Amino acid sequence: MGLDDRKLDVLRAIVEDYVATQEPVGSKALVERHQLGVSPATVRNDMAVLEEEGYIRQPHTSAGRVPTDRGYRLFVDRLSRVKPLTPAERRAIERFMIGAVDLDDVVHRTVRLLAQLTRQVAVVQYPSLARSSVRHLELVPISTTRLMLVMIADTGRVEQRLVELPTPITADDVTDLRRLVNERLGGRRLADTPPLVQALVDEVTPGLCPAMTTLATVLLETLVERHEERIALAGTANLTRGGLLDFQGSLRPILEALEEEVILLKLIGEVEPNTLQVRIGDENEIDNLRATSVVSTGYGPGTTIVGGLGVLGPTRMDYPGTIATVRAVARYVGDVLAQN
């Protein structure tokens, strides 16, 4: 059956009170705290319907009720009001991000900021090479038979590889190689570079062919074949802040899941542009995280998504506040990457 506006108001009040107090919510408290305009007996009847429909449950013999995953989902989809960040929170984000010196610093500042503002576990994926483009390729001669290849992506991510050449080359040869690889690969998405790299060998003089063949092999490894995704994590201690009903009484499976990078990437790495995902309780595919909620989104310069970020916490989460913070932080990180 559909729920009328009054029952939806009662559900909203139960969610807001339970999130704020960590205590199961009774009809008397609801009438005292919220302007519902009806008697405690009517609220009790509404709560009975909400319980029957699976939106709230009675955790133990107390008179109070708590929201179910289904109740939280309805709250997030239909009942929660957008909660703008306070000016103080906006200033905190700007101040925190403004001094970042490089990509590592941006990621570490972001993950700490998210954990502090939401009081949840924060996860930030480093910009993915699979989604990046080549900004510049530098070749640094170390000796006549050894080069350092430095690949700088448009996201600020830097990859370095040593190139052992089969025959000695001169400083002028290095200049020619550097010019050619940047002409052909600069500005290209990493995913589009393999055929261009393979074609480089045909574009050099016969004398440089052995050096370019070796360089092309290392370029392919750097640009395409070694997409090691990295994750930053902060705020794990926030998991201990909750009440007895959070996480069904055990943190161990959640902590074990958070140690697996593959799981973290699945949580926040699979994001679509311009979307924010809220996964509540059993909506999480990972068994060990079925007692948690995850709020995640993509980030990047302009409309380009280069990675994901988000937070994980109990299903008893301040959804409006968390959603607003995750969105705002993602936007600021995108701005920082665009400026740099």
C-alpha atoms as a PDB file:
ATOM      1  CA  MET A   1       0.000   0.000   0.000  1.00  0.00           C
ATOM      2  CA  GLY A   2       1.110   3.588  -0.535  1.00  0.00           C
ATOM      3  CA  LEU A   3       1.938   5.677   2.520  1.00  0.00           C
ATOM      4  CA  ASP A   4       0.054   8.938   3.027  1.00  0.00           C
ATOM      5  CA  ASP A   5       1.858  12.191   3.826  1.00  0.00           C
ATOM      6  CA  ARG A   6       1.320  11.860   7.577  1.00  0.00           C
ATOM      7  CA  LYS A   7       2.925   8.412   7.735  1.00  0.00           C
ATOM      8  CA  LEU A   8       5.812   9.713   5.624  1.00  0.00           C
ATOM      9  CA  ASP A   9       6.211  12.598   8.104  1.00  0.00           C
ATOM     10  CA  VAL A  10       6.293  10.071  10.959  1.00  0.00           C
ATOM     11  CA  LEU A  11       8.957   8.009   9.146  1.00  0.00           C
ATOM     12  CA  ARG A  12      11.047  11.116   8.478  1.00  0.00           C
ATOM     13  CA  ALA A  13      10.825  12.078  12.166  1.00  0.00           C
ATOM     14  CA  ILE A  14      11.852   8.552  13.273  1.00  0.00           C
ATOM     15  CA  VAL A  15      14.905   8.560  10.976  1.00  0.00           C
ATOM     16  CA  GLU A  16      16.003  12.057  12.028  1.00  0.00           C
ATOM     17  CA  ASP A  17      15.564  11.305  15.750  1.00  0.00           C
ATOM     18  CA  TYR A  18      17.305   7.929  15.613  1.00  0.00           C
ATOM     19  CA  VAL A  19      20.259   9.351  13.682  1.00  0.00           C
ATOM     20  CA  ALA A  20      20.552  12.206  16.198  1.00  0.00           C
ATOM     21  CA  THR A  21      20.064  10.258  19.448  1.00  0.00           C
ATOM     22  CA  GLN A  22      21.148   6.651  18.652  1.00  0.00           C
ATOM     23  CA  GLU A  23      18.104   5.612  20.734  1.00  0.00           C
ATOM     24  CA  PRO A  24      15.028   3.708  19.474  1.00  0.00           C
ATOM     25  CA  VAL A  25      12.206   6.214  18.985  1.00  0.00           C
ATOM     26  CA  GLY A  26       8.805   6.022  20.730  1.00  0.00           C
ATOM     27  CA  SER A  27       5.494   7.685  19.806  1.00  0.00           C
ATOM     28  CA  LYS A  28       5.477   9.949  22.873  1.00  0.00           C
ATOM     29  CA  ALA A  29       8.919  11.384  22.018  1.00  0.00           C
ATOM     30  CA  LEU A  30       7.853  11.956  18.396  1.00  0.00           C
ATOM     31  CA  VAL A  31       4.783  13.959  19.429  1.00  0.00           C
ATOM     32  CA  GLU A  32       6.871  16.052  21.865  1.00  0.00           C
ATOM     33  CA  ARG A  33       9.707  16.781  19.435  1.00  0.00           C
ATOM     34  CA  HIS A  34       7.886  17.223  16.116  1.00  0.00           C
ATOM     35  CA  GLN A  35       4.848  19.262  15.093  1.00  0.00           C
ATOM     36  CA  LEU A  36       2.932  16.292  13.726  1.00  0.00           C
ATOM     37  CA  GLY A  37      -0.462  17.756  14.685  1.00  0.00           C
ATOM     38  CA  VAL A  38      -1.911  14.430  15.872  1.00  0.00           C
ATOM     39  CA  SER A  39      -2.225  12.480  19.134  1.00  0.00           C
ATOM     40  CA  PRO A  40       0.271   9.857  20.398  1.00  0.00           C
ATOM     41  CA  ALA A  41      -2.389   7.191  19.723  1.00  0.00           C
ATOM     42  CA  THR A  42      -2.579   8.191  16.034  1.00  0.00           C
ATOM     43  CA  VAL A  43       1.233   8.176  15.796  1.00  0.00           C
ATOM     44  CA  ARG A  44       1.258   4.681  17.358  1.00  0.00           C
ATOM     45  CA  ASN A  45      -1.192   3.502  14.693  1.00  0.00           C
ATOM     46  CA  ASP A  46       0.961   5.044  11.945  1.00  0.00           C
ATOM     47  CA  MET A  47       4.062   3.373  13.417  1.00  0.00           C
ATOM     48  CA  ALA A  48       2.236   0.020  13.412  1.00  0.00           C
ATOM     49  CA  VAL A  49       1.540   0.442   9.669  1.00  0.00           C
ATOM     50  CA  LEU A  50       5.160   1.480   8.990  1.00  0.00           C
ATOM     51  CA  GLU A  51       6.355  -1.603  10.876  1.00  0.00           C
ATOM     52  CA  GLU A  52       3.976  -3.877   8.986  1.00  0.00           C
ATOM     53  CA  GLU A  53       5.217  -2.428   5.695  1.00  0.00           C
ATOM     54  CA  GLY A  54       8.854  -3.079   6.673  1.00  0.00           C
ATOM     55  CA  TYR A  55      10.025   0.545   7.073  1.00  0.00           C
ATOM     56  CA  ILE A  56      10.737   0.377  10.822  1.00  0.00           C
ATOM     57  CA  ARG A  57      11.351  -2.427  13.318  1.00  0.00           C
ATOM     58  CA  GLN A  58      11.469  -3.028  17.057  1.00  0.00           C
ATOM     59  CA  PRO A  59      15.095  -3.889  17.919  1.00  0.00           C
ATOM     60  CA  HIS A  60      14.280  -5.494  21.300  1.00  0.00           C
ATOM     61  CA  THR A  61      11.593  -5.287  23.934  1.00  0.00           C
ATOM     62  CA  SER A  62      11.884  -1.494  24.251  1.00  0.00           C
ATOM     63  CA  ALA A  63       8.880   0.578  23.234  1.00  0.00           C
ATOM     64  CA  GLY A  64      10.936   2.369  20.563  1.00  0.00           C
ATOM     65  CA  ARG A  65      11.384   1.648  16.868  1.00  0.00           C
ATOM     66  CA  VAL A  66      14.347   2.070  14.510  1.00  0.00           C
ATOM     67  CA  PRO A  67      14.395   2.425  10.696  1.00  0.00           C
ATOM     68  CA  THR A  68      15.110  -0.594   8.495  1.00  0.00           C
ATOM     69  CA  ASP A  69      17.250  -0.451   5.333  1.00  0.00           C
ATOM     70  CA  ARG A  70      13.977  -0.041   3.443  1.00  0.00           C
ATOM     71  CA  GLY A  71      12.994   2.882   5.665  1.00  0.00           C
ATOM     72  CA  TYR A  72      16.354   4.604   5.117  1.00  0.00           C
ATOM     73  CA  ARG A  73      16.037   4.072   1.359  1.00  0.00           C
ATOM     74  CA  LEU A  74      12.609   5.756   1.268  1.00  0.00           C
ATOM     75  CA  PHE A  75      14.006   8.579   3.430  1.00  0.00           C
ATOM     76  CA  VAL A  76      16.950   9.148   1.049  1.00  0.00           C
ATOM     77  CA  ASP A  77      14.854   8.921  -2.109  1.00  0.00           C
ATOM     78  CA  ARG A  78      11.791  10.935  -1.070  1.00  0.00           C
ATOM     79  CA  LEU A  79      11.951  12.491   2.368  1.00  0.00           C
ATOM     80  CA  SER A  80      15.363  13.951   3.064  1.00  0.00           C
ATOM     81  CA  ARG A  81      15.761  17.676   2.570  1.00  0.00           C
ATOM     82  CA  VAL A  82      18.888  19.010   0.869  1.00  0.00           C
ATOM     83  CA  LYS A  83      21.198  20.212   3.609  1.00  0.00           C
ATOM     84  CA  PRO A  84      23.506  22.969   2.344  1.00  0.00           C
ATOM     85  CA  LEU A  85      26.976  23.243   3.847  1.00  0.00           C
ATOM     86  CA  THR A  86      27.421  25.970   6.427  1.00  0.00           C
ATOM     87  CA  PRO A  87      29.740  28.878   5.530  1.00  0.00           C
ATOM     88  CA  ALA A  88      32.174  27.510   8.138  1.00  0.00           C
ATOM     89  CA  GLU A  89      32.238  24.091   6.417  1.00  0.00           C
ATOM     90  CA  ARG A  90      32.811  25.713   3.024  1.00  0.00           C
ATOM     91  CA  ARG A  91      35.678  27.794   4.409  1.00  0.00           C
ATOM     92  CA  ALA A  92      37.156  24.680   6.030  1.00  0.00           C
ATOM     93  CA  ILE A  93      37.151  22.849   2.687  1.00  0.00           C
ATOM     94  CA  GLU A  94      38.708  25.801   0.839  1.00  0.00           C
ATOM     95  CA  ARG A  95      41.400  26.331   3.491  1.00  0.00           C
ATOM     96  CA  PHE A  96      42.189  22.629   3.646  1.00  0.00           C
ATOM     97  CA  MET A  97      42.587  22.254  -0.123  1.00  0.00           C
ATOM     98  CA  ILE A  98      44.288  25.556  -0.934  1.00  0.00           C
ATOM     99  CA  GLY A  99      47.808  24.623   0.191  1.00  0.00           C
ATOM    100  CA  ALA A 100      48.098  21.284  -1.634  1.00  0.00           C
ATOM    101  CA  VAL A 101      51.508  20.997  -3.303  1.00  0.00           C
ATOM    102  CA  ASP A 102      51.101  17.897  -5.513  1.00  0.00           C
ATOM    103  CA  LEU A 103      48.712  15.072  -6.335  1.00  0.00           C
ATOM    104  CA  ASP A 104      49.649  12.941  -3.308  1.00  0.00           C
ATOM    105  CA  ASP A 105      49.005  15.952  -1.091  1.00  0.00           C
ATOM    106  CA  VAL A 106      45.622  16.609  -2.760  1.00  0.00           C
ATOM    107  CA  VAL A 107      44.517  12.985  -2.203  1.00  0.00           C
ATOM    108  CA  HIS A 108      45.699  12.853   1.426  1.00  0.00           C
ATOM    109  CA  ARG A 109      44.128  16.208   2.277  1.00  0.00           C
ATOM    110  CA  THR A 110      40.864  15.123   0.614  1.00  0.00           C
ATOM    111  CA  VAL A 111      40.575  11.829   2.479  1.00  0.00           C
ATOM    112  CA  ARG A 112      41.353  13.439   5.863  1.00  0.00           C
ATOM    113  CA  LEU A 113      38.898  16.274   5.181  1.00  0.00           C
ATOM    114  CA  LEU A 114      36.087  13.869   4.234  1.00  0.00           C
ATOM    115  CA  ALA A 115      36.655  11.797   7.374  1.00  0.00           C
ATOM    116  CA  GLN A 116      36.664  14.894   9.603  1.00  0.00           C
ATOM    117  CA  LEU A 117      33.573  16.539   8.089  1.00  0.00           C
ATOM    118  CA  THR A 118      31.384  13.420   7.910  1.00  0.00           C
ATOM    119  CA  ARG A 119      32.808  11.556  10.934  1.00  0.00           C
ATOM    120  CA  GLN A 120      32.774   8.407   8.810  1.00  0.00           C
ATOM    121  CA  VAL A 121      35.414   6.277   7.084  1.00  0.00           C
ATOM    122  CA  ALA A 122      36.607   8.155   3.982  1.00  0.00           C
ATOM    123  CA  VAL A 123      37.969   6.512   0.827  1.00  0.00           C
ATOM    124  CA  VAL A 124      39.581   8.340  -2.112  1.00  0.00           C
ATOM    125  CA  GLN A 125      40.823   6.692  -5.293  1.00  0.00           C
ATOM    126  CA  TYR A 126      43.943   8.248  -6.816  1.00  0.00           C
ATOM    127  CA  PRO A 127      43.227   9.526 -10.331  1.00  0.00           C
ATOM    128  CA  SER A 128      42.997   6.425 -12.470  1.00  0.00           C
ATOM    129  CA  LEU A 129      45.562   6.120 -15.257  1.00  0.00           C
ATOM    130  CA  ALA A 130      42.900   4.366 -17.316  1.00  0.00           C
ATOM    131  CA  ARG A 131      40.931   7.647 -17.340  1.00  0.00           C
ATOM    132  CA  SER A 132      43.924   9.989 -17.755  1.00  0.00           C
ATOM    133  CA  SER A 133      45.675  11.665 -20.691  1.00  0.00           C
ATOM    134  CA  VAL A 134      49.387  12.274 -21.310  1.00  0.00           C
ATOM    135  CA  ARG A 135      50.432  15.796 -20.354  1.00  0.00           C
ATOM    136  CA  HIS A 136      54.178  15.341 -20.949  1.00  0.00           C
ATOM    137  CA  LEU A 137      56.818  12.647 -21.377  1.00  0.00           C
ATOM    138  CA  GLU A 138      60.308  13.471 -20.131  1.00  0.00           C
ATOM    139  CA  LEU A 139      63.431  11.469 -21.009  1.00  0.00           C
ATOM    140  CA  VAL A 140      66.318  12.075 -18.615  1.00  0.00           C
ATOM    141  CA  PRO A 141      69.734  10.663 -19.677  1.00  0.00           C
ATOM    142  CA  ILE A 142      71.452   8.854 -16.811  1.00  0.00           C
ATOM    143  CA  SER A 143      74.229   7.402 -18.954  1.00  0.00           C
ATOM    144  CA  THR A 144      74.690   6.712 -22.689  1.00  0.00           C
ATOM    145  CA  THR A 145      72.766   3.426 -22.323  1.00  0.00           C
ATOM    146  CA  ARG A 146      70.274   4.339 -19.610  1.00  0.00           C
ATOM    147  CA  LEU A 147      67.308   6.770 -19.540  1.00  0.00           C
ATOM    148  CA  MET A 148      64.730   7.705 -16.946  1.00  0.00           C
ATOM    149  CA  LEU A 149      61.261   7.907 -18.504  1.00  0.00           C
ATOM    150  CA  VAL A 150      58.893  10.212 -16.598  1.00  0.00           C
ATOM    151  CA  MET A 151      55.210  10.230 -17.624  1.00  0.00           C
ATOM    152  CA  ILE A 152      53.113  13.119 -16.267  1.00  0.00           C
ATOM    153  CA  ALA A 153      49.349  12.684 -16.680  1.00  0.00           C
ATOM    154  CA  ASP A 154      46.857  15.530 -16.987  1.00  0.00           C
ATOM    155  CA  THR A 155      45.620  14.655 -13.494  1.00  0.00           C
ATOM    156  CA  GLY A 156      49.053  15.303 -11.989  1.00  0.00           C
ATOM    157  CA  ARG A 157      49.821  11.630 -11.536  1.00  0.00           C
ATOM    158  CA  VAL A 158      53.490  10.824 -12.249  1.00  0.00           C
ATOM    159  CA  GLU A 159      54.939   7.460 -13.299  1.00  0.00           C
ATOM    160  CA  GLN A 160      58.685   6.789 -13.616  1.00  0.00           C
ATOM    161  CA  ARG A 161      60.479   3.899 -15.341  1.00  0.00           C
ATOM    162  CA  LEU A 162      64.111   3.077 -16.032  1.00  0.00           C
ATOM    163  CA  VAL A 163      64.951   2.300 -19.690  1.00  0.00           C
ATOM    164  CA  GLU A 164      68.031   0.127 -20.356  1.00  0.00           C
ATOM    165  CA  LEU A 165      69.088   0.775 -23.972  1.00  0.00           C
ATOM    166  CA  PRO A 166      70.724  -1.934 -26.142  1.00  0.00           C
ATOM    167  CA  THR A 167      73.267   0.504 -27.644  1.00  0.00           C
ATOM    168  CA  PRO A 168      74.725   3.887 -26.570  1.00  0.00           C
ATOM    169  CA  ILE A 169      72.975   7.080 -27.783  1.00  0.00           C
ATOM    170  CA  THR A 170      73.987  10.762 -27.771  1.00  0.00           C
ATOM    171  CA  ALA A 171      72.332  13.752 -26.052  1.00  0.00           C
ATOM    172  CA  ASP A 172      71.014  14.855 -29.479  1.00  0.00           C
ATOM    173  CA  ASP A 173      69.439  11.425 -29.961  1.00  0.00           C
ATOM    174  CA  VAL A 174      67.656  11.812 -26.603  1.00  0.00           C
ATOM    175  CA  THR A 175      66.336  15.222 -27.716  1.00  0.00           C
ATOM    176  CA  ASP A 176      64.997  13.678 -30.957  1.00  0.00           C
ATOM    177  CA  LEU A 177      63.300  10.835 -29.074  1.00  0.00           C
ATOM    178  CA  ARG A 178      61.777  13.233 -26.525  1.00  0.00           C
ATOM    179  CA  ARG A 179      60.402  15.505 -29.261  1.00  0.00           C
ATOM    180  CA  LEU A 180      58.897  12.602 -31.208  1.00  0.00           C
ATOM    181  CA  VAL A 181      57.171  10.868 -28.274  1.00  0.00           C
ATOM    182  CA  ASN A 182      55.629  14.158 -27.101  1.00  0.00           C
ATOM    183  CA  GLU A 183      54.463  15.106 -30.615  1.00  0.00           C
ATOM    184  CA  ARG A 184      52.746  11.743 -31.065  1.00  0.00           C
ATOM    185  CA  LEU A 185      51.472  11.040 -27.544  1.00  0.00           C
ATOM    186  CA  GLY A 186      51.014  14.427 -25.830  1.00  0.00           C
ATOM    187  CA  GLY A 187      47.369  15.145 -25.003  1.00  0.00           C
ATOM    188  CA  ARG A 188      46.251  11.613 -25.916  1.00  0.00           C
ATOM    189  CA  ARG A 189      44.178   9.473 -23.566  1.00  0.00           C
ATOM    190  CA  LEU A 190      46.305   6.658 -22.196  1.00  0.00           C
ATOM    191  CA  ALA A 191      43.756   4.121 -23.387  1.00  0.00           C
ATOM    192  CA  ASP A 192      44.252   5.345 -26.996  1.00  0.00           C
ATOM    193  CA  THR A 193      48.068   5.226 -27.056  1.00  0.00           C
ATOM    194  CA  PRO A 194      49.026   1.569 -27.876  1.00  0.00           C
ATOM    195  CA  PRO A 195      48.818   1.835 -31.705  1.00  0.00           C
ATOM    196  CA  LEU A 196      50.575   5.222 -31.596  1.00  0.00           C
ATOM    197  CA  VAL A 197      53.424   3.807 -29.494  1.00  0.00           C
ATOM    198  CA  GLN A 198      53.862   0.845 -31.838  1.00  0.00           C
ATOM    199  CA  ALA A 199      54.007   3.221 -34.822  1.00  0.00           C
ATOM    200  CA  LEU A 200      56.870   5.235 -33.249  1.00  0.00           C
ATOM    201  CA  VAL A 201      59.473   2.622 -34.228  1.00  0.00           C
ATOM    202  CA  ASP A 202      58.757   3.224 -37.940  1.00  0.00           C
ATOM    203  CA  GLU A 203      59.240   6.983 -37.590  1.00  0.00           C
ATOM    204  CA  VAL A 204      62.883   7.109 -36.435  1.00  0.00           C
ATOM    205  CA  THR A 205      66.127   6.799 -38.393  1.00  0.00           C
ATOM    206  CA  PRO A 206      67.591   3.281 -38.629  1.00  0.00           C
ATOM    207  CA  GLY A 207      70.302   4.247 -36.124  1.00  0.00           C
ATOM    208  CA  LEU A 208      67.682   5.030 -33.446  1.00  0.00           C
ATOM    209  CA  CYS A 209      65.542   1.978 -34.162  1.00  0.00           C
ATOM    210  CA  PRO A 210      66.979  -0.241 -31.359  1.00  0.00           C
ATOM    211  CA  ALA A 211      66.613   2.570 -28.774  1.00  0.00           C
ATOM    212  CA  MET A 212      63.038   3.396 -29.865  1.00  0.00           C
ATOM    213  CA  THR A 213      62.036  -0.295 -29.865  1.00  0.00           C
ATOM    214  CA  THR A 214      63.152  -0.602 -26.227  1.00  0.00           C
ATOM    215  CA  LEU A 215      61.584   2.746 -25.297  1.00  0.00           C
ATOM    216  CA  ALA A 216      58.296   1.721 -26.941  1.00  0.00           C
ATOM    217  CA  THR A 217      58.166  -1.454 -24.843  1.00  0.00           C
ATOM    218  CA  VAL A 218      58.620   0.540 -21.608  1.00  0.00           C
ATOM    219  CA  LEU A 219      56.100   3.163 -22.801  1.00  0.00           C
ATOM    220  CA  LEU A 220      53.470   0.468 -23.345  1.00  0.00           C
ATOM    221  CA  GLU A 221      54.090  -0.894 -19.837  1.00  0.00           C
ATOM    222  CA  THR A 222      53.873   2.618 -18.368  1.00  0.00           C
ATOM    223  CA  LEU A 223      50.903   3.948 -20.305  1.00  0.00           C
ATOM    224  CA  VAL A 224      48.744   0.908 -20.722  1.00  0.00           C
ATOM    225  CA  GLU A 225      49.699  -2.311 -19.019  1.00  0.00           C
ATOM    226  CA  ARG A 226      50.419  -1.199 -15.474  1.00  0.00           C
ATOM    227  CA  HIS A 227      47.195   0.367 -14.288  1.00  0.00           C
ATOM    228  CA  GLU A 228      47.842  -0.092 -10.610  1.00  0.00           C
ATOM    229  CA  GLU A 229      44.988   1.695  -8.900  1.00  0.00           C
ATOM    230  CA  ARG A 230      45.778   3.271  -5.557  1.00  0.00           C
ATOM    231  CA  ILE A 231      43.454   4.078  -2.679  1.00  0.00           C
ATOM    232  CA  ALA A 232      43.738   6.370   0.344  1.00  0.00           C
ATOM    233  CA  LEU A 233      41.746   5.610   3.511  1.00  0.00           C
ATOM    234  CA  ALA A 234      41.125   7.693   6.662  1.00  0.00           C
ATOM    235  CA  GLY A 235      38.830   7.789   9.673  1.00  0.00           C
ATOM    236  CA  THR A 236      38.574   4.056  10.442  1.00  0.00           C
ATOM    237  CA  ALA A 237      38.388   4.936  14.150  1.00  0.00           C
ATOM    238  CA  ASN A 238      35.071   6.713  13.417  1.00  0.00           C
ATOM    239  CA  LEU A 239      33.458   3.266  13.169  1.00  0.00           C
ATOM    240  CA  THR A 240      33.724   2.959  16.965  1.00  0.00           C
ATOM    241  CA  ARG A 241      31.667   6.110  17.623  1.00  0.00           C
ATOM    242  CA  GLY A 242      28.281   4.503  17.073  1.00  0.00           C
ATOM    243  CA  GLY A 243      25.653   2.866  19.246  1.00  0.00           C
ATOM    244  CA  LEU A 244      25.071  -0.771  20.144  1.00  0.00           C
ATOM    245  CA  LEU A 245      22.759  -1.364  17.189  1.00  0.00           C
ATOM    246  CA  ASP A 246      25.266  -0.157  14.571  1.00  0.00           C
ATOM    247  CA  PHE A 247      27.003  -2.877  12.514  1.00  0.00           C
ATOM    248  CA  GLN A 248      24.948  -5.648  14.161  1.00  0.00           C
ATOM    249  CA  GLY A 249      27.365  -5.708  17.068  1.00  0.00           C
ATOM    250  CA  SER A 250      30.611  -6.617  15.258  1.00  0.00           C
ATOM    251  CA  LEU A 251      33.199  -4.415  13.585  1.00  0.00           C
ATOM    252  CA  ARG A 252      35.597  -7.193  12.606  1.00  0.00           C
ATOM    253  CA  PRO A 253      34.070  -8.107   9.192  1.00  0.00           C
ATOM    254  CA  ILE A 254      33.947  -4.421   8.241  1.00  0.00           C
ATOM    255  CA  LEU A 255      37.568  -3.832   9.243  1.00  0.00           C
ATOM    256  CA  GLU A 256      38.620  -6.929   7.277  1.00  0.00           C
ATOM    257  CA  ALA A 257      36.786  -5.660   4.184  1.00  0.00           C
ATOM    258  CA  LEU A 258      38.447  -2.232   4.494  1.00  0.00           C
ATOM    259  CA  GLU A 259      41.886  -3.889   4.282  1.00  0.00           C
ATOM    260  CA  GLU A 260      41.129  -5.166   0.770  1.00  0.00           C
ATOM    261  CA  GLU A 261      41.949  -2.611  -1.938  1.00  0.00           C
ATOM    262  CA  VAL A 262      39.868  -4.546  -4.468  1.00  0.00           C
ATOM    263  CA  ILE A 263      36.799  -4.111  -2.253  1.00  0.00           C
ATOM    264  CA  LEU A 264      37.469  -0.392  -1.734  1.00  0.00           C
ATOM    265  CA  LEU A 265      37.823   0.117  -5.490  1.00  0.00           C
ATOM    266  CA  LYS A 266      34.527  -1.674  -6.045  1.00  0.00           C
ATOM    267  CA  LEU A 267      32.893   0.624  -3.494  1.00  0.00           C
ATOM    268  CA  ILE A 268      33.983   3.943  -4.958  1.00  0.00           C
ATOM    269  CA  GLY A 269      35.822   3.268  -8.238  1.00  0.00           C
ATOM    270  CA  GLU A 270      32.765   2.325 -10.304  1.00  0.00           C
ATOM    271  CA  VAL A 271      31.209   5.757 -10.660  1.00  0.00           C
ATOM    272  CA  GLU A 272      29.315   7.368 -13.499  1.00  0.00           C
ATOM    273  CA  PRO A 273      29.765  11.056 -14.373  1.00  0.00           C
ATOM    274  CA  ASN A 274      27.426  13.472 -12.528  1.00  0.00           C
ATOM    275  CA  THR A 275      25.933  10.793 -10.294  1.00  0.00           C
ATOM    276  CA  LEU A 276      26.079  10.300  -6.567  1.00  0.00           C
ATOM    277  CA  GLN A 277      25.391   6.778  -5.305  1.00  0.00           C
ATOM    278  CA  VAL A 278      23.921   5.889  -1.926  1.00  0.00           C
ATOM    279  CA  ARG A 279      24.057   2.164  -1.117  1.00  0.00           C
ATOM    280  CA  ILE A 280      22.234   1.213   2.074  1.00  0.00           C
ATOM    281  CA  GLY A 281      22.753  -2.015   4.030  1.00  0.00           C
ATOM    282  CA  ASP A 282      21.815  -5.048   1.929  1.00  0.00           C
ATOM    283  CA  GLU A 283      22.175  -3.016  -1.277  1.00  0.00           C
ATOM    284  CA  ASN A 284      25.952  -3.480  -0.837  1.00  0.00           C
ATOM    285  CA  GLU A 285      27.198  -6.427  -2.896  1.00  0.00           C
ATOM    286  CA  ILE A 286      29.967  -7.196  -0.400  1.00  0.00           C
ATOM    287  CA  ASP A 287      28.689  -9.466   2.391  1.00  0.00           C
ATOM    288  CA  ASN A 288      30.927  -7.981   5.095  1.00  0.00           C
ATOM    289  CA  LEU A 289      29.543  -4.500   4.400  1.00  0.00           C
ATOM    290  CA  ARG A 290      25.821  -5.310   4.567  1.00  0.00           C
ATOM    291  CA  ALA A 291      25.545  -3.469   7.904  1.00  0.00           C
ATOM    292  CA  THR A 292      26.958  -0.256   6.407  1.00  0.00           C
ATOM    293  CA  SER A 293      25.941   2.522   4.042  1.00  0.00           C
ATOM    294  CA  VAL A 294      28.218   3.953   1.351  1.00  0.00           C
ATOM    295  CA  VAL A 295      27.880   7.406  -0.242  1.00  0.00           C
ATOM    296  CA  SER A 296      30.148   7.850  -3.280  1.00  0.00           C
ATOM    297  CA  THR A 297      30.666   9.977  -6.366  1.00  0.00           C
ATOM    298  CA  GLY A 298      33.229  10.632  -9.086  1.00  0.00           C
ATOM    299  CA  TYR A 299      35.598  13.600  -9.206  1.00  0.00           C
ATOM    300  CA  GLY A 300      37.783  15.236 -11.805  1.00  0.00           C
ATOM    301  CA  PRO A 301      38.577  18.471 -13.657  1.00  0.00           C
ATOM    302  CA  GLY A 302      35.533  19.900 -15.454  1.00  0.00           C
ATOM    303  CA  THR A 303      33.268  17.129 -16.714  1.00  0.00           C
ATOM    304  CA  THR A 304      36.047  14.513 -16.800  1.00  0.00           C
ATOM    305  CA  ILE A 305      35.853  11.800 -14.126  1.00  0.00           C
ATOM    306  CA  VAL A 306      39.328  10.570 -13.097  1.00  0.00           C
ATOM    307  CA  GLY A 307      38.517   8.735  -9.864  1.00  0.00           C
ATOM    308  CA  GLY A 308      35.975   8.087  -7.155  1.00  0.00           C
ATOM    309  CA  LEU A 309      35.626   9.188  -3.550  1.00  0.00           C
ATOM    310  CA  GLY A 310      33.148   8.511  -0.794  1.00  0.00           C
ATOM    311  CA  VAL A 311      32.434   7.586   2.787  1.00  0.00           C
ATOM    312  CA  LEU A 312      31.315   4.450   4.605  1.00  0.00           C
ATOM    313  CA  GLY A 313      29.512   4.334   7.932  1.00  0.00           C
ATOM    314  CA  PRO A 314      26.562   2.819   9.775  1.00  0.00           C
ATOM    315  CA  THR A 315      23.149   2.737   8.078  1.00  0.00           C
ATOM    316  CA  ARG A 316      22.204   5.154  10.900  1.00  0.00           C
ATOM    317  CA  MET A 317      23.876   7.952   8.967  1.00  0.00           C
ATOM    318  CA  ASP A 318      23.118  11.657   8.558  1.00  0.00           C
ATOM    319  CA  TYR A 319      22.318  11.148   4.873  1.00  0.00           C
ATOM    320  CA  PRO A 320      21.489  14.780   3.911  1.00  0.00           C
ATOM    321  CA  GLY A 321      24.676  16.094   5.566  1.00  0.00           C
ATOM    322  CA  THR A 322      26.899  13.311   4.221  1.00  0.00           C
ATOM    323  CA  ILE A 323      25.554  13.622   0.662  1.00  0.00           C
ATOM    324  CA  ALA A 324      26.101  17.416   0.687  1.00  0.00           C
ATOM    325  CA  THR A 325      29.672  17.036   2.004  1.00  0.00           C
ATOM    326  CA  VAL A 326      30.681  14.294  -0.462  1.00  0.00           C
ATOM    327  CA  ARG A 327      29.311  16.374  -3.358  1.00  0.00           C
ATOM    328  CA  ALA A 328      31.043  19.569  -2.208  1.00  0.00           C
ATOM    329  CA  VAL A 329      34.425  17.939  -1.557  1.00  0.00           C
ATOM    330  CA  ALA A 330      34.328  16.208  -4.968  1.00  0.00           C
ATOM    331  CA  ARG A 331      33.612  19.562  -6.617  1.00  0.00           C
ATOM    332  CA  TYR A 332      36.495  21.303  -4.803  1.00  0.00           C
ATOM    333  CA  VAL A 333      38.952  18.508  -5.682  1.00  0.00           C
ATOM    334  CA  GLY A 334      37.878  18.789  -9.318  1.00  0.00           C
ATOM    335  CA  ASP A 335      38.525  22.547  -9.200  1.00  0.00           C
ATOM    336  CA  VAL A 336      41.990  21.996  -7.691  1.00  0.00           C
ATOM    337  CA  LEU A 337      42.889  19.484 -10.431  1.00  0.00           C
ATOM    338  CA  ALA A 338      41.549  21.842 -13.134  1.00  0.00           C
ATOM    339  CA  GLN A 339      43.692  24.748 -11.839  1.00  0.00           C
ATOM    340  CA  ASN A 340      46.833  22.627 -11.731  1.00  0.00           C
END
